[in-house]
Amino acid sequence: MHLGRIRIRLHHDVRPQGRGTTTSLTMDGPQLVLVAYAPLARLALHRLVQP
């Protein structure tokens, strides 16, 4: 993903766990951008696997 001249790499997984699922996210890029993006990513992944 590119935001202007800033490059961010995101890798996410959704895996079965028991009767539900679990998610993980690995982010690589400038720390300030990742700190700002992390809460949005967490919300999106939570909504993806909520009951």
PDB file of N, CA and C in Angstrom:
ATOM      1  N   MET A   1       0.854  -1.164   0.000  1.00  0.00           N
ATOM      2  CA  MET A   1       0.000   0.000   0.000  1.00  0.00           C
ATOM      3  C   MET A   1       0.902   1.229   0.000  1.00  0.00           C
ATOM      4  N   HIS A   2       0.554   2.188  -0.779  1.00  0.00           N
ATOM      5  CA  HIS A   2       1.304   3.446  -0.829  1.00  0.00           C
ATOM      6  C   HIS A   2       0.382   4.581  -0.438  1.00  0.00           C
ATOM      7  N   LEU A   3       0.891   5.463   0.399  1.00  0.00           N
ATOM      8  CA  LEU A   3       0.201   6.701   0.739  1.00  0.00           C
ATOM      9  C   LEU A   3       1.130   7.822   0.320  1.00  0.00           C
ATOM     10  N   GLY A   4       1.001   8.264  -0.904  1.00  0.00           N
ATOM     11  CA  GLY A   4       1.961   9.231  -1.437  1.00  0.00           C
ATOM     12  C   GLY A   4       3.314   8.553  -1.572  1.00  0.00           C
ATOM     13  N   ARG A   5       4.314   9.093  -0.909  1.00  0.00           N
ATOM     14  CA  ARG A   5       5.650   8.514  -0.959  1.00  0.00           C
ATOM     15  C   ARG A   5       5.898   7.524   0.173  1.00  0.00           C
ATOM     16  N   ILE A   6       4.904   7.328   1.032  1.00  0.00           N
ATOM     17  CA  ILE A   6       5.033   6.421   2.173  1.00  0.00           C
ATOM     18  C   ILE A   6       4.560   5.031   1.771  1.00  0.00           C
ATOM     19  N   ARG A   7       5.377   4.028   2.051  1.00  0.00           N
ATOM     20  CA  ARG A   7       5.017   2.653   1.731  1.00  0.00           C
ATOM     21  C   ARG A   7       4.736   1.889   3.025  1.00  0.00           C
ATOM     22  N   ILE A   8       3.617   1.186   3.035  1.00  0.00           N
ATOM     23  CA  ILE A   8       3.211   0.389   4.190  1.00  0.00           C
ATOM     24  C   ILE A   8       2.929  -1.030   3.705  1.00  0.00           C
ATOM     25  N   ARG A   9       3.432  -2.001   4.432  1.00  0.00           N
ATOM     26  CA  ARG A   9       3.128  -3.407   4.135  1.00  0.00           C
ATOM     27  C   ARG A   9       2.240  -3.951   5.244  1.00  0.00           C
ATOM     28  N   LEU A  10       1.157  -4.578   4.835  1.00  0.00           N
ATOM     29  CA  LEU A  10       0.216  -5.185   5.772  1.00  0.00           C
ATOM     30  C   LEU A  10       0.035  -6.648   5.399  1.00  0.00           C
ATOM     31  N   HIS A  11       0.026  -7.497   6.397  1.00  0.00           N
ATOM     32  CA  HIS A  11      -0.272  -8.919   6.179  1.00  0.00           C
ATOM     33  C   HIS A  11      -1.225  -9.340   7.284  1.00  0.00           C
ATOM     34  N   HIS A  12      -2.403  -9.829   6.894  1.00  0.00           N
ATOM     35  CA  HIS A  12      -3.337 -10.291   7.910  1.00  0.00           C
ATOM     36  C   HIS A  12      -3.767 -11.724   7.622  1.00  0.00           C
ATOM     37  N   ASP A  13      -4.087 -12.414   8.707  1.00  0.00           N
ATOM     38  CA  ASP A  13      -4.576 -13.791   8.652  1.00  0.00           C
ATOM     39  C   ASP A  13      -5.870 -13.877   9.439  1.00  0.00           C
ATOM     40  N   VAL A  14      -6.756 -14.723   8.968  1.00  0.00           N
ATOM     41  CA  VAL A  14      -7.953 -15.105   9.711  1.00  0.00           C
ATOM     42  C   VAL A  14      -7.927 -16.617   9.760  1.00  0.00           C
ATOM     43  N   ARG A  15      -7.913 -17.167  10.977  1.00  0.00           N
ATOM     44  CA  ARG A  15      -7.781 -18.622  11.137  1.00  0.00           C
ATOM     45  C   ARG A  15      -8.885 -19.149  12.051  1.00  0.00           C
ATOM     46  N   PRO A  16      -9.309 -20.391  11.778  1.00  0.00           N
ATOM     47  CA  PRO A  16     -10.286 -20.998  12.684  1.00  0.00           C
ATOM     48  C   PRO A  16      -9.656 -21.286  14.046  1.00  0.00           C
ATOM     49  N   GLN A  17     -10.457 -21.117  15.082  1.00  0.00           N
ATOM     50  CA  GLN A  17     -10.003 -21.440  16.433  1.00  0.00           C
ATOM     51  C   GLN A  17     -11.218 -21.914  17.214  1.00  0.00           C
ATOM     52  N   GLY A  18     -11.251 -23.186  17.506  1.00  0.00           N
ATOM     53  CA  GLY A  18     -12.414 -23.733  18.201  1.00  0.00           C
ATOM     54  C   GLY A  18     -13.665 -23.536  17.360  1.00  0.00           C
ATOM     55  N   ARG A  19     -14.677 -22.915  17.969  1.00  0.00           N
ATOM     56  CA  ARG A  19     -15.927 -22.639  17.253  1.00  0.00           C
ATOM     57  C   ARG A  19     -15.940 -21.258  16.632  1.00  0.00           C
ATOM     58  N   GLY A  20     -14.806 -20.547  16.656  1.00  0.00           N
ATOM     59  CA  GLY A  20     -14.748 -19.194  16.115  1.00  0.00           C
ATOM     60  C   GLY A  20     -13.528 -18.998  15.241  1.00  0.00           C
ATOM     61  N   THR A  21     -13.039 -17.798  15.238  1.00  0.00           N
ATOM     62  CA  THR A  21     -11.860 -17.462  14.449  1.00  0.00           C
ATOM     63  C   THR A  21     -10.953 -16.530  15.250  1.00  0.00           C
ATOM     64  N   THR A  22      -9.724 -16.439  14.790  1.00  0.00           N
ATOM     65  CA  THR A  22      -8.764 -15.499  15.359  1.00  0.00           C
ATOM     66  C   THR A  22      -8.092 -14.763  14.209  1.00  0.00           C
ATOM     67  N   THR A  23      -7.644 -13.561  14.461  1.00  0.00           N
ATOM     68  CA  THR A  23      -6.989 -12.773  13.427  1.00  0.00           C
ATOM     69  C   THR A  23      -5.616 -12.321  13.905  1.00  0.00           C
ATOM     70  N   SER A  24      -4.763 -12.042  12.935  1.00  0.00           N
ATOM     71  CA  SER A  24      -3.472 -11.423  13.250  1.00  0.00           C
ATOM     72  C   SER A  24      -3.147 -10.431  12.150  1.00  0.00           C
ATOM     73  N   LEU A  25      -2.340  -9.451  12.501  1.00  0.00           N
ATOM     74  CA  LEU A  25      -1.938  -8.425  11.546  1.00  0.00           C
ATOM     75  C   LEU A  25      -0.485  -8.074  11.796  1.00  0.00           C
ATOM     76  N   THR A  26       0.306  -8.102  10.735  1.00  0.00           N
ATOM     77  CA  THR A  26       1.687  -7.658  10.780  1.00  0.00           C
ATOM     78  C   THR A  26       1.794  -6.421   9.907  1.00  0.00           C
ATOM     79  N   MET A  27       2.363  -5.346  10.454  1.00  0.00           N
ATOM     80  CA  MET A  27       2.485  -4.090   9.729  1.00  0.00           C
ATOM     81  C   MET A  27       3.947  -3.678   9.680  1.00  0.00           C
ATOM     82  N   ASP A  28       4.359  -3.147   8.539  1.00  0.00           N
ATOM     83  CA  ASP A  28       5.724  -2.670   8.375  1.00  0.00           C
ATOM     84  C   ASP A  28       5.675  -1.324   7.658  1.00  0.00           C
ATOM     85  N   GLY A  29       6.289  -0.318   8.255  1.00  0.00           N
ATOM     86  CA  GLY A  29       6.307   1.010   7.666  1.00  0.00           C
ATOM     87  C   GLY A  29       6.766   2.020   8.694  1.00  0.00           C
ATOM     88  N   PRO A  30       6.634   3.294   8.380  1.00  0.00           N
ATOM     89  CA  PRO A  30       7.034   4.341   9.322  1.00  0.00           C
ATOM     90  C   PRO A  30       6.201   4.266  10.609  1.00  0.00           C
ATOM     91  N   GLN A  31       6.871   4.307  11.735  1.00  0.00           N
ATOM     92  CA  GLN A  31       6.213   4.103  13.022  1.00  0.00           C
ATOM     93  C   GLN A  31       5.051   5.069  13.255  1.00  0.00           C
ATOM     94  N   LEU A  32       5.213   6.314  12.940  1.00  0.00           N
ATOM     95  CA  LEU A  32       4.146   7.296  13.174  1.00  0.00           C
ATOM     96  C   LEU A  32       2.879   6.936  12.394  1.00  0.00           C
ATOM     97  N   VAL A  33       3.036   6.495  11.166  1.00  0.00           N
ATOM     98  CA  VAL A  33       1.893   6.108  10.335  1.00  0.00           C
ATOM     99  C   VAL A  33       1.240   4.853  10.894  1.00  0.00           C
ATOM    100  N   LEU A  34       2.056   3.887  11.308  1.00  0.00           N
ATOM    101  CA  LEU A  34       1.508   2.639  11.842  1.00  0.00           C
ATOM    102  C   LEU A  34       0.771   2.855  13.153  1.00  0.00           C
ATOM    103  N   VAL A  35       1.282   3.723  13.998  1.00  0.00           N
ATOM    104  CA  VAL A  35       0.609   4.023  15.267  1.00  0.00           C
ATOM    105  C   VAL A  35      -0.758   4.650  14.993  1.00  0.00           C
ATOM    106  N   ALA A  36      -0.842   5.498  13.996  1.00  0.00           N
ATOM    107  CA  ALA A  36      -2.119   6.119  13.643  1.00  0.00           C
ATOM    108  C   ALA A  36      -3.075   5.114  13.004  1.00  0.00           C
ATOM    109  N   TYR A  37      -2.551   4.164  12.230  1.00  0.00           N
ATOM    110  CA  TYR A  37      -3.382   3.205  11.506  1.00  0.00           C
ATOM    111  C   TYR A  37      -3.833   2.037  12.387  1.00  0.00           C
ATOM    112  N   ALA A  38      -3.060   1.672  13.385  1.00  0.00           N
ATOM    113  CA  ALA A  38      -3.323   0.481  14.194  1.00  0.00           C
ATOM    114  C   ALA A  38      -4.736   0.433  14.784  1.00  0.00           C
ATOM    115  N   PRO A  39      -5.254   1.500  15.383  1.00  0.00           N
ATOM    116  CA  PRO A  39      -6.618   1.409  15.936  1.00  0.00           C
ATOM    117  C   PRO A  39      -7.682   1.143  14.868  1.00  0.00           C
ATOM    118  N   LEU A  40      -7.505   1.713  13.684  1.00  0.00           N
ATOM    119  CA  LEU A  40      -8.460   1.456  12.594  1.00  0.00           C
ATOM    120  C   LEU A  40      -8.385   0.007  12.142  1.00  0.00           C
ATOM    121  N   ALA A  41      -7.179  -0.516  12.042  1.00  0.00           N
ATOM    122  CA  ALA A  41      -6.998  -1.913  11.634  1.00  0.00           C
ATOM    123  C   ALA A  41      -7.605  -2.848  12.672  1.00  0.00           C
ATOM    124  N   ARG A  42      -7.381  -2.547  13.934  1.00  0.00           N
ATOM    125  CA  ARG A  42      -7.931  -3.387  15.010  1.00  0.00           C
ATOM    126  C   ARG A  42      -9.458  -3.413  14.946  1.00  0.00           C
ATOM    127  N   LEU A  43     -10.064  -2.278  14.753  1.00  0.00           N
ATOM    128  CA  LEU A  43     -11.524  -2.201  14.642  1.00  0.00           C
ATOM    129  C   LEU A  43     -12.017  -3.009  13.439  1.00  0.00           C
ATOM    130  N   ALA A  44     -11.361  -2.861  12.309  1.00  0.00           N
ATOM    131  CA  ALA A  44     -11.779  -3.580  11.100  1.00  0.00           C
ATOM    132  C   ALA A  44     -11.667  -5.090  11.285  1.00  0.00           C
ATOM    133  N   LEU A  45     -10.571  -5.560  11.859  1.00  0.00           N
ATOM    134  CA  LEU A  45     -10.410  -7.005  12.073  1.00  0.00           C
ATOM    135  C   LEU A  45     -11.399  -7.512  13.116  1.00  0.00           C
ATOM    136  N   HIS A  46     -11.663  -6.738  14.133  1.00  0.00           N
ATOM    137  CA  HIS A  46     -12.648  -7.139  15.147  1.00  0.00           C
ATOM    138  C   HIS A  46     -14.032  -7.291  14.522  1.00  0.00           C
ATOM    139  N   ARG A  47     -14.400  -6.351  13.667  1.00  0.00           N
ATOM    140  CA  ARG A  47     -15.709  -6.426  13.006  1.00  0.00           C
ATOM    141  C   ARG A  47     -15.786  -7.611  12.048  1.00  0.00           C
ATOM    142  N   LEU A  48     -14.639  -7.983  11.487  1.00  0.00           N
ATOM    143  CA  LEU A  48     -14.597  -9.105  10.550  1.00  0.00           C
ATOM    144  C   LEU A  48     -14.942 -10.425  11.235  1.00  0.00           C
ATOM    145  N   VAL A  49     -14.536 -10.585  12.484  1.00  0.00           N
ATOM    146  CA  VAL A  49     -14.710 -11.887  13.151  1.00  0.00           C
ATOM    147  C   VAL A  49     -15.691 -11.846  14.312  1.00  0.00           C
ATOM    148  N   GLN A  50     -16.379 -10.746  14.542  1.00  0.00           N
ATOM    149  CA  GLN A  50     -17.320 -10.710  15.656  1.00  0.00           C
ATOM    150  C   GLN A  50     -18.503 -11.622  15.376  1.00  0.00           C
ATOM    151  N   PRO A  51     -19.135 -12.139  16.447  1.00  0.00           N
ATOM    152  CA  PRO A  51     -20.287 -13.063  16.271  1.00  0.00           C
ATOM    153  C   PRO A  51     -21.484 -12.394  15.643  1.00  0.00           C
TER     154      PRO A  51
END
